[in-house]
C-alpha atoms as a PDB file:
ATOM      1  CA  UNK A   1     -62.191 -22.614 125.633  1.00  0.00           C
ATOM      2  CA  UNK A   2     -60.700 -25.863 126.908  1.00  0.00           C
ATOM      3  CA  UNK A   3     -62.122 -27.027 130.189  1.00  0.00           C
ATOM      4  CA  UNK A   4     -60.449 -29.225 132.846  1.00  0.00           C
ATOM      5  CA  UNK A   5     -61.897 -31.184 135.769  1.00  0.00           C
ATOM      6  CA  UNK A   6     -59.248 -29.589 138.022  1.00  0.00           C
ATOM      7  CA  UNK A   7     -58.986 -25.955 136.886  1.00  0.00           C
ATOM      8  CA  UNK A   8     -57.451 -24.730 140.163  1.00  0.00           C
ATOM      9  CA  UNK A   9     -54.630 -27.282 139.885  1.00  0.00           C
ATOM     10  CA  UNK A  10     -54.180 -26.775 136.120  1.00  0.00           C
ATOM     11  CA  UNK A  11     -53.650 -22.994 136.292  1.00  0.00           C
ATOM     12  CA  UNK A  12     -51.472 -23.311 139.353  1.00  0.00           C
ATOM     13  CA  UNK A  13     -49.193 -25.836 137.616  1.00  0.00           C
ATOM     14  CA  UNK A  14     -49.071 -23.750 134.428  1.00  0.00           C
ATOM     15  CA  UNK A  15     -47.690 -20.797 136.389  1.00  0.00           C
ATOM     16  CA  UNK A  16     -45.367 -22.611 138.767  1.00  0.00           C
ATOM     17  CA  UNK A  17     -43.854 -24.755 135.958  1.00  0.00           C
ATOM     18  CA  UNK A  18     -41.890 -21.630 134.926  1.00  0.00           C
ATOM     19  CA  UNK A  19     -38.671 -21.342 136.911  1.00  0.00           C
ATOM     20  CA  UNK A  20     -38.880 -17.592 136.972  1.00  0.00           C
ATOM     21  CA  UNK A  21     -42.376 -17.738 138.601  1.00  0.00           C
ATOM     22  CA  UNK A  22     -41.183 -20.425 140.987  1.00  0.00           C
ATOM     23  CA  UNK A  23     -38.187 -18.254 141.915  1.00  0.00           C
ATOM     24  CA  UNK A  24     -40.545 -15.412 142.754  1.00  0.00           C
ATOM     25  CA  UNK A  25     -42.832 -17.754 144.701  1.00  0.00           C
ATOM     26  CA  UNK A  26     -39.992 -19.184 146.806  1.00  0.00           C
ATOM     27  CA  UNK A  27     -38.459 -15.716 147.427  1.00  0.00           C
ATOM     28  CA  UNK A  28     -41.808 -14.501 148.757  1.00  0.00           C
ATOM     29  CA  UNK A  29     -42.867 -17.548 150.789  1.00  0.00           C
ATOM     30  CA  UNK A  30     -39.891 -19.593 152.004  1.00  0.00           C
ATOM     31  CA  UNK A  31     -38.931 -19.061 155.633  1.00  0.00           C
ATOM     32  CA  UNK A  32     -35.795 -16.787 155.768  1.00  0.00           C
ATOM     33  CA  UNK A  33     -33.585 -19.429 157.317  1.00  0.00           C
ATOM     34  CA  UNK A  34     -34.372 -21.823 154.397  1.00  0.00           C
ATOM     35  CA  UNK A  35     -34.218 -19.143 151.742  1.00  0.00           C
ATOM     36  CA  UNK A  36     -30.796 -18.217 152.978  1.00  0.00           C
ATOM     37  CA  UNK A  37     -29.330 -21.599 152.000  1.00  0.00           C
ATOM     38  CA  UNK A  38     -31.078 -21.752 148.549  1.00  0.00           C
ATOM     39  CA  UNK A  39     -29.316 -20.854 145.331  1.00  0.00           C
ATOM     40  CA  UNK A  40     -32.420 -19.948 143.350  1.00  0.00           C
ATOM     41  CA  UNK A  41     -30.352 -19.464 140.166  1.00  0.00           C
ATOM     42  CA  UNK A  42     -30.049 -23.262 139.983  1.00  0.00           C
ATOM     43  CA  UNK A  43     -33.778 -23.992 140.008  1.00  0.00           C
ATOM     44  CA  UNK A  44     -34.607 -26.904 137.763  1.00  0.00           C
ATOM     45  CA  UNK A  45     -38.141 -28.301 137.232  1.00  0.00           C
ATOM     46  CA  UNK A  46     -38.275 -32.070 137.882  1.00  0.00           C
ATOM     47  CA  UNK A  47     -40.740 -34.758 136.934  1.00  0.00           C
ATOM     48  CA  UNK A  48     -43.161 -35.862 139.615  1.00  0.00           C
ATOM     49  CA  UNK A  49     -43.264 -39.456 138.310  1.00  0.00           C
ATOM     50  CA  UNK A  50     -41.831 -40.725 141.599  1.00  0.00           C
ATOM     51  CA  UNK A  51     -45.163 -40.177 143.332  1.00  0.00           C
ATOM     52  CA  UNK A  52     -46.946 -43.337 144.392  1.00  0.00           C
ATOM     53  CA  UNK A  53     -50.040 -44.310 142.391  1.00  0.00           C
ATOM     54  CA  UNK A  54     -52.416 -43.810 145.329  1.00  0.00           C
ATOM     55  CA  UNK A  55     -51.181 -40.228 145.830  1.00  0.00           C
ATOM     56  CA  UNK A  56     -50.987 -39.181 142.161  1.00  0.00           C
ATOM     57  CA  UNK A  57     -54.617 -37.969 141.945  1.00  0.00           C
ATOM     58  CA  UNK A  58     -53.870 -35.531 144.764  1.00  0.00           C
ATOM     59  CA  UNK A  59     -50.503 -34.280 143.598  1.00  0.00           C
ATOM     60  CA  UNK A  60     -50.099 -31.097 141.547  1.00  0.00           C
ATOM     61  CA  UNK A  61     -46.715 -32.340 140.274  1.00  0.00           C
ATOM     62  CA  UNK A  62     -44.563 -29.292 140.865  1.00  0.00           C
ATOM     63  CA  UNK A  63     -41.078 -30.349 142.049  1.00  0.00           C
ATOM     64  CA  UNK A  64     -37.967 -28.278 141.763  1.00  0.00           C
ATOM     65  CA  UNK A  65     -34.387 -29.192 142.543  1.00  0.00           C
ATOM     66  CA  UNK A  66     -31.707 -26.639 143.345  1.00  0.00           C
ATOM     67  CA  UNK A  67     -28.318 -26.367 144.953  1.00  0.00           C
ATOM     68  CA  UNK A  68     -27.329 -24.755 148.190  1.00  0.00           C
ATOM     69  CA  UNK A  69     -25.336 -21.578 148.408  1.00  0.00           C
ATOM     70  CA  UNK A  70     -22.616 -23.587 150.154  1.00  0.00           C
ATOM     71  CA  UNK A  71     -21.769 -25.618 147.084  1.00  0.00           C
ATOM     72  CA  UNK A  72     -22.777 -29.086 145.809  1.00  0.00           C
ATOM     73  CA  UNK A  73     -25.428 -29.848 148.370  1.00  0.00           C
ATOM     74  CA  UNK A  74     -28.887 -30.580 146.987  1.00  0.00           C
ATOM     75  CA  UNK A  75     -32.239 -29.137 147.914  1.00  0.00           C
ATOM     76  CA  UNK A  76     -35.650 -30.035 146.551  1.00  0.00           C
ATOM     77  CA  UNK A  77     -38.882 -28.124 146.884  1.00  0.00           C
ATOM     78  CA  UNK A  78     -42.265 -29.843 146.615  1.00  0.00           C
ATOM     79  CA  UNK A  79     -44.992 -27.253 145.947  1.00  0.00           C
ATOM     80  CA  UNK A  80     -48.492 -28.624 146.562  1.00  0.00           C
ATOM     81  CA  UNK A  81     -51.677 -26.826 145.588  1.00  0.00           C
ATOM     82  CA  UNK A  82     -54.782 -27.429 147.684  1.00  0.00           C
ATOM     83  CA  UNK A  83     -58.270 -25.935 147.270  1.00  0.00           C
ATOM     84  CA  UNK A  84     -59.806 -27.707 150.259  1.00  0.00           C
ATOM     85  CA  UNK A  85     -58.471 -28.461 153.715  1.00  0.00           C
ATOM     86  CA  UNK A  86     -57.085 -31.937 154.464  1.00  0.00           C
ATOM     87  CA  UNK A  87     -56.343 -32.755 158.084  1.00  0.00           C
ATOM     88  CA  UNK A  88     -53.740 -35.364 156.974  1.00  0.00           C
ATOM     89  CA  UNK A  89     -52.046 -32.928 154.560  1.00  0.00           C
ATOM     90  CA  UNK A  90     -48.839 -32.793 156.617  1.00  0.00           C
ATOM     91  CA  UNK A  91     -48.519 -36.557 156.269  1.00  0.00           C
ATOM     92  CA  UNK A  92     -49.131 -36.393 152.485  1.00  0.00           C
ATOM     93  CA  UNK A  93     -46.400 -33.765 152.195  1.00  0.00           C
ATOM     94  CA  UNK A  94     -44.056 -35.999 154.210  1.00  0.00           C
ATOM     95  CA  UNK A  95     -44.794 -38.890 151.818  1.00  0.00           C
ATOM     96  CA  UNK A  96     -43.969 -36.673 148.858  1.00  0.00           C
ATOM     97  CA  UNK A  97     -40.736 -35.631 150.533  1.00  0.00           C
ATOM     98  CA  UNK A  98     -39.699 -39.210 151.256  1.00  0.00           C
ATOM     99  CA  UNK A  99     -40.506 -40.272 147.666  1.00  0.00           C
ATOM    100  CA  UNK A 100     -38.333 -37.399 146.353  1.00  0.00           C
ATOM    101  CA  UNK A 101     -35.515 -38.477 148.660  1.00  0.00           C
ATOM    102  CA  UNK A 102     -35.751 -42.033 147.424  1.00  0.00           C
ATOM    103  CA  UNK A 103     -35.566 -40.924 143.762  1.00  0.00           C
ATOM    104  CA  UNK A 104     -32.474 -38.872 144.678  1.00  0.00           C
ATOM    105  CA  UNK A 105     -30.778 -41.957 146.135  1.00  0.00           C
ATOM    106  CA  UNK A 106     -31.884 -44.077 143.109  1.00  0.00           C
ATOM    107  CA  UNK A 107     -30.099 -41.549 140.857  1.00  0.00           C
ATOM    108  CA  UNK A 108     -26.785 -42.503 142.545  1.00  0.00           C
ATOM    109  CA  UNK A 109     -26.380 -39.874 145.284  1.00  0.00           C
ATOM    110  CA  UNK A 110     -25.124 -41.025 148.669  1.00  0.00           C
ATOM    111  CA  UNK A 111     -26.612 -38.246 150.751  1.00  0.00           C
ATOM    112  CA  UNK A 112     -30.261 -37.382 151.170  1.00  0.00           C
ATOM    113  CA  UNK A 113     -31.429 -34.018 149.829  1.00  0.00           C
ATOM    114  CA  UNK A 114     -33.213 -31.554 152.067  1.00  0.00           C
ATOM    115  CA  UNK A 115     -36.761 -31.617 150.663  1.00  0.00           C
ATOM    116  CA  UNK A 116     -38.908 -28.599 151.532  1.00  0.00           C
ATOM    117  CA  UNK A 117     -42.648 -29.254 151.252  1.00  0.00           C
ATOM    118  CA  UNK A 118     -44.686 -26.103 150.593  1.00  0.00           C
ATOM    119  CA  UNK A 119     -48.540 -25.978 150.626  1.00  0.00           C
ATOM    120  CA  UNK A 120     -50.275 -23.339 148.512  1.00  0.00           C
ATOM    121  CA  UNK A 121     -53.864 -23.128 149.820  1.00  0.00           C
ATOM    122  CA  UNK A 122     -56.730 -21.130 148.294  1.00  0.00           C
ATOM    123  CA  UNK A 123     -59.888 -22.863 149.627  1.00  0.00           C
ATOM    124  CA  UNK A 124     -63.195 -21.378 150.800  1.00  0.00           C
ATOM    125  CA  UNK A 125     -62.482 -22.093 154.454  1.00  0.00           C
ATOM    126  CA  UNK A 126     -60.146 -19.479 155.955  1.00  0.00           C
ATOM    127  CA  UNK A 127     -57.624 -19.591 157.441  1.00  0.00           C
ATOM    128  CA  UNK A 128     -56.237 -23.044 156.749  1.00  0.00           C
ATOM    129  CA  UNK A 129     -57.395 -25.015 159.783  1.00  0.00           C
ATOM    130  CA  UNK A 130     -54.920 -27.836 160.209  1.00  0.00           C
ATOM    131  CA  UNK A 131     -51.350 -28.080 161.469  1.00  0.00           C
ATOM    132  CA  UNK A 132     -48.646 -28.703 158.849  1.00  0.00           C
ATOM    133  CA  UNK A 133     -46.330 -30.248 161.460  1.00  0.00           C
ATOM    134  CA  UNK A 134     -46.727 -33.903 160.637  1.00  0.00           C
ATOM    135  CA  UNK A 135     -45.758 -34.981 164.163  1.00  0.00           C
ATOM    136  CA  UNK A 136     -48.949 -33.263 165.443  1.00  0.00           C
ATOM    137  CA  UNK A 137     -50.956 -36.003 163.649  1.00  0.00           C
ATOM    138  CA  UNK A 138     -49.795 -38.565 166.252  1.00  0.00           C
ATOM    139  CA  UNK A 139     -51.896 -39.228 169.358  1.00  0.00           C
ATOM    140  CA  UNK A 140     -48.594 -39.390 171.295  1.00  0.00           C
ATOM    141  CA  UNK A 141     -46.980 -36.383 169.603  1.00  0.00           C
ATOM    142  CA  UNK A 142     -44.237 -35.995 172.244  1.00  0.00           C
ATOM    143  CA  UNK A 143     -43.130 -39.594 171.842  1.00  0.00           C
ATOM    144  CA  UNK A 144     -43.330 -39.295 168.056  1.00  0.00           C
ATOM    145  CA  UNK A 145     -41.141 -36.174 168.188  1.00  0.00           C
ATOM    146  CA  UNK A 146     -38.563 -37.947 170.301  1.00  0.00           C
ATOM    147  CA  UNK A 147     -38.592 -41.029 168.092  1.00  0.00           C
ATOM    148  CA  UNK A 148     -38.413 -39.407 164.677  1.00  0.00           C
ATOM    149  CA  UNK A 149     -35.972 -36.687 165.683  1.00  0.00           C
ATOM    150  CA  UNK A 150     -33.520 -39.121 167.234  1.00  0.00           C
ATOM    151  CA  UNK A 151     -31.775 -42.460 166.668  1.00  0.00           C
ATOM    152  CA  UNK A 152     -34.014 -45.444 165.984  1.00  0.00           C
ATOM    153  CA  UNK A 153     -33.701 -48.455 168.321  1.00  0.00           C
ATOM    154  CA  UNK A 154     -30.842 -50.754 167.391  1.00  0.00           C
ATOM    155  CA  UNK A 155     -30.423 -54.397 168.380  1.00  0.00           C
ATOM    156  CA  UNK A 156     -26.822 -55.223 167.498  1.00  0.00           C
ATOM    157  CA  UNK A 157     -26.472 -58.863 168.460  1.00  0.00           C
ATOM    158  CA  UNK A 158     -22.808 -58.880 167.544  1.00  0.00           C
ATOM    159  CA  UNK A 159     -21.892 -56.963 170.739  1.00  0.00           C
ATOM    160  CA  UNK A 160     -24.275 -58.471 173.254  1.00  0.00           C
ATOM    161  CA  UNK A 161     -22.463 -60.870 175.653  1.00  0.00           C
ATOM    162  CA  UNK A 162     -23.613 -64.471 175.396  1.00  0.00           C
ATOM    163  CA  UNK A 163     -24.376 -64.490 179.166  1.00  0.00           C
ATOM    164  CA  UNK A 164     -26.769 -61.636 178.672  1.00  0.00           C
ATOM    165  CA  UNK A 165     -28.392 -63.283 175.664  1.00  0.00           C
ATOM    166  CA  UNK A 166     -29.100 -66.364 177.794  1.00  0.00           C
ATOM    167  CA  UNK A 167     -31.478 -64.250 179.845  1.00  0.00           C
ATOM    168  CA  UNK A 168     -33.529 -63.167 176.814  1.00  0.00           C
ATOM    169  CA  UNK A 169     -36.282 -65.764 177.425  1.00  0.00           C
ATOM    170  CA  UNK A 170     -38.116 -66.773 174.220  1.00  0.00           C
ATOM    171  CA  UNK A 171     -35.683 -64.714 172.044  1.00  0.00           C
ATOM    172  CA  UNK A 172     -32.508 -66.156 173.538  1.00  0.00           C
ATOM    173  CA  UNK A 173     -31.951 -69.203 171.231  1.00  0.00           C
ATOM    174  CA  UNK A 174     -32.603 -67.244 168.049  1.00  0.00           C
ATOM    175  CA  UNK A 175     -30.325 -64.341 169.129  1.00  0.00           C
ATOM    176  CA  UNK A 176     -27.561 -66.612 170.235  1.00  0.00           C
ATOM    177  CA  UNK A 177     -27.549 -68.667 167.032  1.00  0.00           C
ATOM    178  CA  UNK A 178     -27.775 -65.601 164.756  1.00  0.00           C
ATOM    179  CA  UNK A 179     -24.866 -64.013 166.592  1.00  0.00           C
ATOM    180  CA  UNK A 180     -22.630 -67.025 165.971  1.00  0.00           C
ATOM    181  CA  UNK A 181     -24.096 -68.600 162.803  1.00  0.00           C
ATOM    182  CA  UNK A 182     -20.982 -67.793 160.717  1.00  0.00           C
ATOM    183  CA  UNK A 183     -18.601 -69.685 163.029  1.00  0.00           C
ATOM    184  CA  UNK A 184     -16.938 -72.665 161.404  1.00  0.00           C
ATOM    185  CA  UNK A 185     -17.463 -74.665 164.600  1.00  0.00           C
ATOM    186  CA  UNK A 186     -20.767 -74.399 166.440  1.00  0.00           C
ATOM    187  CA  UNK A 187     -19.930 -77.065 168.994  1.00  0.00           C
ATOM    188  CA  UNK A 188     -19.094 -74.404 171.559  1.00  0.00           C
ATOM    189  CA  UNK A 189     -22.743 -73.306 171.391  1.00  0.00           C
ATOM    190  CA  UNK A 190     -24.322 -76.755 171.803  1.00  0.00           C
ATOM    191  CA  UNK A 191     -24.568 -76.717 175.603  1.00  0.00           C
ATOM    192  CA  UNK A 192     -26.147 -73.282 175.663  1.00  0.00           C
ATOM    193  CA  UNK A 193     -28.536 -73.991 172.790  1.00  0.00           C
ATOM    194  CA  UNK A 194     -29.586 -77.255 174.373  1.00  0.00           C
ATOM    195  CA  UNK A 195     -30.249 -75.456 177.686  1.00  0.00           C
ATOM    196  CA  UNK A 196     -32.475 -72.912 175.922  1.00  0.00           C
ATOM    197  CA  UNK A 197     -34.223 -75.632 173.974  1.00  0.00           C
ATOM    198  CA  UNK A 198     -35.243 -77.352 177.171  1.00  0.00           C
ATOM    199  CA  UNK A 199     -36.991 -74.273 178.632  1.00  0.00           C
ATOM    200  CA  UNK A 200     -40.714 -73.620 178.411  1.00  0.00           C
ATOM    201  CA  UNK A 201     -39.969 -70.627 176.176  1.00  0.00           C
ATOM    202  CA  UNK A 202     -39.352 -72.736 173.025  1.00  0.00           C
ATOM    203  CA  UNK A 203     -41.891 -74.666 171.010  1.00  0.00           C
ATOM    204  CA  UNK A 204     -41.134 -77.754 168.993  1.00  0.00           C
ATOM    205  CA  UNK A 205     -41.731 -75.804 165.815  1.00  0.00           C
ATOM    206  CA  UNK A 206     -39.184 -73.208 166.814  1.00  0.00           C
ATOM    207  CA  UNK A 207     -36.605 -75.905 167.555  1.00  0.00           C
ATOM    208  CA  UNK A 208     -37.160 -77.410 164.113  1.00  0.00           C
ATOM    209  CA  UNK A 209     -36.899 -73.962 162.508  1.00  0.00           C
ATOM    210  CA  UNK A 210     -33.645 -73.213 164.257  1.00  0.00           C
ATOM    211  CA  UNK A 211     -32.062 -76.469 163.241  1.00  0.00           C
ATOM    212  CA  UNK A 212     -33.143 -75.979 159.615  1.00  0.00           C
ATOM    213  CA  UNK A 213     -31.605 -72.510 159.768  1.00  0.00           C
ATOM    214  CA  UNK A 214     -28.335 -73.996 160.987  1.00  0.00           C
ATOM    215  CA  UNK A 215     -28.443 -76.425 158.020  1.00  0.00           C
ATOM    216  CA  UNK A 216     -29.153 -73.764 155.441  1.00  0.00           C
ATOM    217  CA  UNK A 217     -26.874 -70.965 156.613  1.00  0.00           C
ATOM    218  CA  UNK A 218     -24.366 -72.447 159.023  1.00  0.00           C
ATOM    219  CA  UNK A 219     -20.785 -73.033 157.897  1.00  0.00           C
ATOM    220  CA  UNK A 220     -20.076 -75.960 160.272  1.00  0.00           C
ATOM    221  CA  UNK A 221     -18.525 -78.796 158.190  1.00  0.00           C
ATOM    222  CA  UNK A 222     -19.823 -81.679 160.336  1.00  0.00           C
ATOM    223  CA  UNK A 223     -23.526 -80.884 160.853  1.00  0.00           C
ATOM    224  CA  UNK A 224     -24.404 -84.516 161.645  1.00  0.00           C
ATOM    225  CA  UNK A 225     -22.068 -84.363 164.706  1.00  0.00           C
ATOM    226  CA  UNK A 226     -23.668 -81.090 165.797  1.00  0.00           C
ATOM    227  CA  UNK A 227     -27.144 -82.629 165.584  1.00  0.00           C
ATOM    228  CA  UNK A 228     -26.165 -85.713 167.501  1.00  0.00           C
ATOM    229  CA  UNK A 229     -24.630 -83.544 170.231  1.00  0.00           C
ATOM    230  CA  UNK A 230     -27.838 -81.494 170.497  1.00  0.00           C
ATOM    231  CA  UNK A 231     -29.864 -84.710 170.719  1.00  0.00           C
ATOM    232  CA  UNK A 232     -27.632 -85.841 173.548  1.00  0.00           C
ATOM    233  CA  UNK A 233     -27.927 -82.571 175.469  1.00  0.00           C
ATOM    234  CA  UNK A 234     -31.616 -82.009 174.813  1.00  0.00           C
ATOM    235  CA  UNK A 235     -33.169 -85.507 174.862  1.00  0.00           C
ATOM    236  CA  UNK A 236     -36.809 -84.278 174.842  1.00  0.00           C
ATOM    237  CA  UNK A 237     -36.171 -82.998 171.246  1.00  0.00           C
ATOM    238  CA  UNK A 238     -34.232 -86.080 170.185  1.00  0.00           C
ATOM    239  CA  UNK A 239     -36.876 -87.225 167.762  1.00  0.00           C
ATOM    240  CA  UNK A 240     -36.706 -83.870 165.980  1.00  0.00           C
ATOM    241  CA  UNK A 241     -32.916 -84.049 165.677  1.00  0.00           C
ATOM    242  CA  UNK A 242     -32.951 -87.639 164.523  1.00  0.00           C
ATOM    243  CA  UNK A 243     -35.550 -86.913 161.868  1.00  0.00           C
ATOM    244  CA  UNK A 244     -33.560 -83.977 160.537  1.00  0.00           C
ATOM    245  CA  UNK A 245     -30.358 -86.030 160.639  1.00  0.00           C
ATOM    246  CA  UNK A 246     -31.989 -88.776 158.596  1.00  0.00           C
ATOM    247  CA  UNK A 247     -33.211 -86.206 156.061  1.00  0.00           C
ATOM    248  CA  UNK A 248     -29.705 -84.785 155.874  1.00  0.00           C
ATOM    249  CA  UNK A 249     -28.256 -88.281 155.343  1.00  0.00           C
ATOM    250  CA  UNK A 250     -30.797 -88.978 152.613  1.00  0.00           C
ATOM    251  CA  UNK A 251     -29.938 -85.796 150.817  1.00  0.00           C
ATOM    252  CA  UNK A 252     -26.261 -86.739 151.064  1.00  0.00           C
ATOM    253  CA  UNK A 253     -26.921 -90.147 149.582  1.00  0.00           C
ATOM    254  CA  UNK A 254     -28.929 -88.684 146.775  1.00  0.00           C
ATOM    255  CA  UNK A 255     -26.172 -86.173 146.044  1.00  0.00           C
ATOM    256  CA  UNK A 256     -23.576 -88.949 146.046  1.00  0.00           C
ATOM    257  CA  UNK A 257     -25.662 -91.065 143.710  1.00  0.00           C
ATOM    258  CA  UNK A 258     -26.105 -88.236 141.301  1.00  0.00           C
ATOM    259  CA  UNK A 259     -22.389 -87.442 141.333  1.00  0.00           C
ATOM    260  CA  UNK A 260     -21.643 -91.071 140.609  1.00  0.00           C
ATOM    261  CA  UNK A 261     -24.136 -90.966 137.637  1.00  0.00           C
ATOM    262  CA  UNK A 262     -22.524 -87.824 136.295  1.00  0.00           C
ATOM    263  CA  UNK A 263     -19.046 -89.395 136.497  1.00  0.00           C
ATOM    264  CA  UNK A 264     -20.251 -92.555 134.726  1.00  0.00           C
ATOM    265  CA  UNK A 265     -21.922 -90.514 131.984  1.00  0.00           C
ATOM    266  CA  UNK A 266     -18.791 -88.445 131.551  1.00  0.00           C
ATOM    267  CA  UNK A 267     -16.708 -91.603 130.962  1.00  0.00           C
ATOM    268  CA  UNK A 268     -19.320 -93.039 128.593  1.00  0.00           C
ATOM    269  CA  UNK A 269     -19.388 -89.893 126.465  1.00  0.00           C
ATOM    270  CA  UNK A 270     -15.581 -89.834 126.367  1.00  0.00           C
ATOM    271  CA  UNK A 271     -15.700 -93.429 124.987  1.00  0.00           C
ATOM    272  CA  UNK A 272     -18.089 -92.366 122.227  1.00  0.00           C
ATOM    273  CA  UNK A 273     -21.278 -94.001 123.503  1.00  0.00           C
ATOM    274  CA  UNK A 274     -24.563 -92.765 122.035  1.00  0.00           C
ATOM    275  CA  UNK A 275     -26.109 -89.923 124.040  1.00  0.00           C
ATOM    276  CA  UNK A 276     -29.560 -91.527 124.111  1.00  0.00           C
ATOM    277  CA  UNK A 277     -28.019 -94.758 125.491  1.00  0.00           C
ATOM    278  CA  UNK A 278     -26.081 -92.776 128.142  1.00  0.00           C
ATOM    279  CA  UNK A 279     -29.283 -91.098 129.279  1.00  0.00           C
ATOM    280  CA  UNK A 280     -31.142 -94.410 129.372  1.00  0.00           C
ATOM    281  CA  UNK A 281     -28.421 -96.133 131.509  1.00  0.00           C
ATOM    282  CA  UNK A 282     -27.786 -93.212 133.968  1.00  0.00           C
ATOM    283  CA  UNK A 283     -31.281 -91.654 134.104  1.00  0.00           C
ATOM    284  CA  UNK A 284     -29.780 -88.288 133.363  1.00  0.00           C
ATOM    285  CA  UNK A 285     -31.283 -85.635 131.079  1.00  0.00           C
ATOM    286  CA  UNK A 286     -29.955 -83.927 127.940  1.00  0.00           C
ATOM    287  CA  UNK A 287     -29.424 -80.811 130.051  1.00  0.00           C
ATOM    288  CA  UNK A 288     -27.263 -82.878 132.447  1.00  0.00           C
ATOM    289  CA  UNK A 289     -25.132 -84.146 129.600  1.00  0.00           C
ATOM    290  CA  UNK A 290     -24.673 -80.634 128.226  1.00  0.00           C
ATOM    291  CA  UNK A 291     -23.533 -79.511 131.647  1.00  0.00           C
ATOM    292  CA  UNK A 292     -21.009 -82.360 131.769  1.00  0.00           C
ATOM    293  CA  UNK A 293     -19.574 -81.309 128.388  1.00  0.00           C
ATOM    294  CA  UNK A 294     -19.349 -77.657 129.341  1.00  0.00           C
ATOM    295  CA  UNK A 295     -17.582 -78.612 132.586  1.00  0.00           C
END
């Protein structure tokens, strides 16, 4: 006789892997309001490969998909076998359900399926001692219920008035800039940004970070002018703005020098000069020359 280290799970999975048995199980044990929406004739055994590695040792791997009686809606049923109580079981079942939902989305569906977690318990301790309402696991269960049964907090900076943002203390400058970062002209923000940069709420590191963000993401064509205006309006950070402006100018010079070398190399190659000589004169690489010829 073949032995297994998890005989309870093994025999359970052997039985429940048959759709007919699963249909009988669900008919017997699903709450009436859920059974009423299930089309059990569409039961299909699914793989449990979506389960996270740290949960796999605890998962009996019985997952069924089915359709609703209303049509093309999707339901999924996670049936978990347990031979000993686990006070965090409700959370484990929730994680299984979320993982099943994610796999459903990954398969190309736009709507989440209703995933019904079911626990089959046959342990020595009777009755099962722990709540299967996962919200009961929170110390602040009432707040958890309100949070997870409602809309999550949303901070939509696109609709917050600038005047209100100016009162946001240490978050004001970041919020204001991220609201307007896609503007072609940021000069209208300079006075407000400078005001915020002069408050005690902003550190020098934060000022530098904001300016670098403007350089990397902003669409303002004349960033040097923006920096000089900021330096004029917020003189205590002038050194920071000057340093960044110098770095920007240096990058511009380096870019201009490279473009000049590329143009020179392009003309040399057109006139038939040896590639090795072109690279020696211009300092460019073979990859650069290949790029020139492709262009």
